[in-house]
Amino acid sequence: MTRYERMKAHRRLQRRIRMVVEERRMALAQPPAPADPAFDPETTVEIKRPEV
């Protein structure tokens, strides 16, 4: 096998590996969690001092 053929085969193998990894990533991906409509990160929260 010539150097060119080895490089070509290696690129083909790497492409197949990338495809399998991407397929697995998509298959195992969790659906995005629904945003909690009651929580607004911009709201100001008052922190009360503990009574001593």
N, C-alpha and C. Protein backbone atom coordinates (compact mmCIF):
# COMPACT_ATOMS: atom_id res chain seq x y z
N MET A 1 0.87 -1.18 0.00
CA MET A 1 0.00 0.00 0.00
C MET A 1 0.91 1.23 0.00
N THR A 2 0.63 2.12 -0.90
CA THR A 2 1.46 3.32 -0.99
C THR A 2 1.10 4.31 0.11
N ARG A 3 1.97 5.29 0.30
CA ARG A 3 1.74 6.30 1.33
C ARG A 3 0.43 7.04 1.06
N TYR A 4 0.19 7.34 -0.21
CA TYR A 4 -1.03 8.04 -0.58
C TYR A 4 -2.27 7.22 -0.22
N GLU A 5 -2.24 5.93 -0.50
CA GLU A 5 -3.38 5.07 -0.17
C GLU A 5 -3.60 4.97 1.33
N ARG A 6 -2.49 4.90 2.09
CA ARG A 6 -2.61 4.85 3.55
C ARG A 6 -3.24 6.13 4.09
N MET A 7 -2.80 7.27 3.56
CA MET A 7 -3.36 8.55 4.00
C MET A 7 -4.85 8.61 3.66
N LYS A 8 -5.19 8.16 2.47
CA LYS A 8 -6.58 8.17 2.03
C LYS A 8 -7.43 7.27 2.93
N ALA A 9 -6.92 6.07 3.24
CA ALA A 9 -7.65 5.15 4.10
C ALA A 9 -7.80 5.73 5.51
N HIS A 10 -6.75 6.40 5.97
CA HIS A 10 -6.79 6.99 7.31
C HIS A 10 -7.84 8.09 7.36
N ARG A 11 -7.89 8.92 6.34
CA ARG A 11 -8.90 9.99 6.30
C ARG A 11 -10.30 9.41 6.28
N ARG A 12 -10.49 8.34 5.51
CA ARG A 12 -11.80 7.69 5.43
C ARG A 12 -12.20 7.12 6.80
N LEU A 13 -11.24 6.49 7.47
CA LEU A 13 -11.50 5.94 8.80
C LEU A 13 -11.86 7.05 9.79
N GLN A 14 -11.11 8.15 9.76
CA GLN A 14 -11.39 9.27 10.65
C GLN A 14 -12.77 9.85 10.39
N ARG A 15 -13.16 9.94 9.12
CA ARG A 15 -14.48 10.46 8.77
C ARG A 15 -15.57 9.55 9.33
N ARG A 16 -15.36 8.21 9.21
CA ARG A 16 -16.35 7.27 9.75
C ARG A 16 -16.45 7.40 11.26
N ILE A 17 -15.31 7.56 11.92
CA ILE A 17 -15.31 7.71 13.38
C ILE A 17 -16.06 8.97 13.77
N ARG A 18 -15.81 10.08 13.07
CA ARG A 18 -16.52 11.32 13.37
C ARG A 18 -18.02 11.17 13.19
N MET A 19 -18.42 10.46 12.14
CA MET A 19 -19.85 10.26 11.90
C MET A 19 -20.48 9.44 13.04
N VAL A 20 -19.81 8.38 13.48
CA VAL A 20 -20.34 7.55 14.56
C VAL A 20 -20.44 8.36 15.85
N VAL A 21 -19.40 9.14 16.14
CA VAL A 21 -19.41 9.95 17.36
C VAL A 21 -20.56 10.95 17.31
N GLU A 22 -20.75 11.58 16.17
CA GLU A 22 -21.83 12.57 16.04
C GLU A 22 -23.20 11.89 16.18
N GLU A 23 -23.36 10.70 15.58
CA GLU A 23 -24.63 9.98 15.70
C GLU A 23 -24.92 9.62 17.15
N ARG A 24 -23.90 9.15 17.86
CA ARG A 24 -24.10 8.81 19.27
C ARG A 24 -24.42 10.04 20.09
N ARG A 25 -23.73 11.13 19.80
CA ARG A 25 -23.99 12.37 20.54
C ARG A 25 -25.45 12.79 20.36
N MET A 26 -25.94 12.70 19.13
CA MET A 26 -27.32 13.09 18.85
C MET A 26 -28.30 12.11 19.52
N ALA A 27 -27.96 10.82 19.50
CA ALA A 27 -28.87 9.83 20.07
C ALA A 27 -28.96 9.96 21.59
N LEU A 28 -27.86 10.35 22.22
CA LEU A 28 -27.84 10.43 23.68
C LEU A 28 -28.18 11.82 24.20
N ALA A 29 -28.40 12.75 23.32
CA ALA A 29 -28.66 14.13 23.75
C ALA A 29 -29.98 14.20 24.50
N GLN A 30 -29.95 14.92 25.60
CA GLN A 30 -31.17 15.13 26.38
C GLN A 30 -31.93 16.29 25.75
N PRO A 31 -33.26 16.20 25.76
CA PRO A 31 -34.03 17.34 25.25
C PRO A 31 -33.79 18.55 26.15
N PRO A 32 -33.82 19.73 25.61
CA PRO A 32 -33.58 20.91 26.44
C PRO A 32 -34.61 21.01 27.56
N ALA A 33 -34.13 21.30 28.75
CA ALA A 33 -35.02 21.41 29.90
C ALA A 33 -35.93 22.62 29.72
N PRO A 34 -37.21 22.48 30.02
CA PRO A 34 -38.10 23.63 29.87
C PRO A 34 -37.72 24.71 30.89
N ALA A 35 -37.71 25.93 30.44
CA ALA A 35 -37.37 27.04 31.33
C ALA A 35 -38.49 27.23 32.34
N ASP A 36 -38.12 27.52 33.57
CA ASP A 36 -39.10 27.73 34.63
C ASP A 36 -39.68 29.13 34.46
N PRO A 37 -40.95 29.25 34.07
CA PRO A 37 -41.51 30.58 33.82
C PRO A 37 -41.63 31.44 35.07
N ALA A 38 -41.65 30.80 36.26
CA ALA A 38 -41.81 31.56 37.49
C ALA A 38 -40.49 32.20 37.93
N PHE A 39 -39.36 31.79 37.35
CA PHE A 39 -38.06 32.31 37.77
C PHE A 39 -37.57 33.36 36.79
N ASP A 40 -37.29 34.55 37.31
CA ASP A 40 -36.72 35.61 36.48
C ASP A 40 -35.35 35.96 37.08
N PRO A 41 -34.27 35.68 36.37
CA PRO A 41 -32.94 35.94 36.94
C PRO A 41 -32.65 37.42 37.17
N GLU A 42 -33.44 38.30 36.60
CA GLU A 42 -33.21 39.73 36.75
C GLU A 42 -33.89 40.33 37.97
N THR A 43 -34.72 39.56 38.65
CA THR A 43 -35.44 40.10 39.81
C THR A 43 -34.49 40.31 40.99
N THR A 44 -34.80 41.29 41.80
CA THR A 44 -34.03 41.58 43.00
C THR A 44 -34.62 40.79 44.16
N VAL A 45 -33.76 40.12 44.90
CA VAL A 45 -34.21 39.32 46.03
C VAL A 45 -33.75 39.99 47.31
N GLU A 46 -34.68 40.18 48.22
CA GLU A 46 -34.33 40.78 49.50
C GLU A 46 -33.87 39.69 50.46
N ILE A 47 -32.71 39.90 51.06
CA ILE A 47 -32.17 38.94 52.01
C ILE A 47 -32.38 39.52 53.40
N LYS A 48 -33.16 38.83 54.21
CA LYS A 48 -33.48 39.33 55.56
C LYS A 48 -32.39 38.91 56.52
N ARG A 49 -32.08 39.83 57.44
CA ARG A 49 -31.10 39.51 58.46
C ARG A 49 -31.73 38.59 59.49
N PRO A 50 -30.95 37.63 59.99
CA PRO A 50 -31.49 36.76 61.03
C PRO A 50 -31.67 37.54 62.33
N GLU A 51 -32.75 37.25 63.01
CA GLU A 51 -33.01 37.91 64.30
C GLU A 51 -32.06 37.38 65.35
N VAL A 52 -31.41 38.30 66.07
CA VAL A 52 -30.43 37.86 67.08
C VAL A 52 -30.99 38.09 68.48
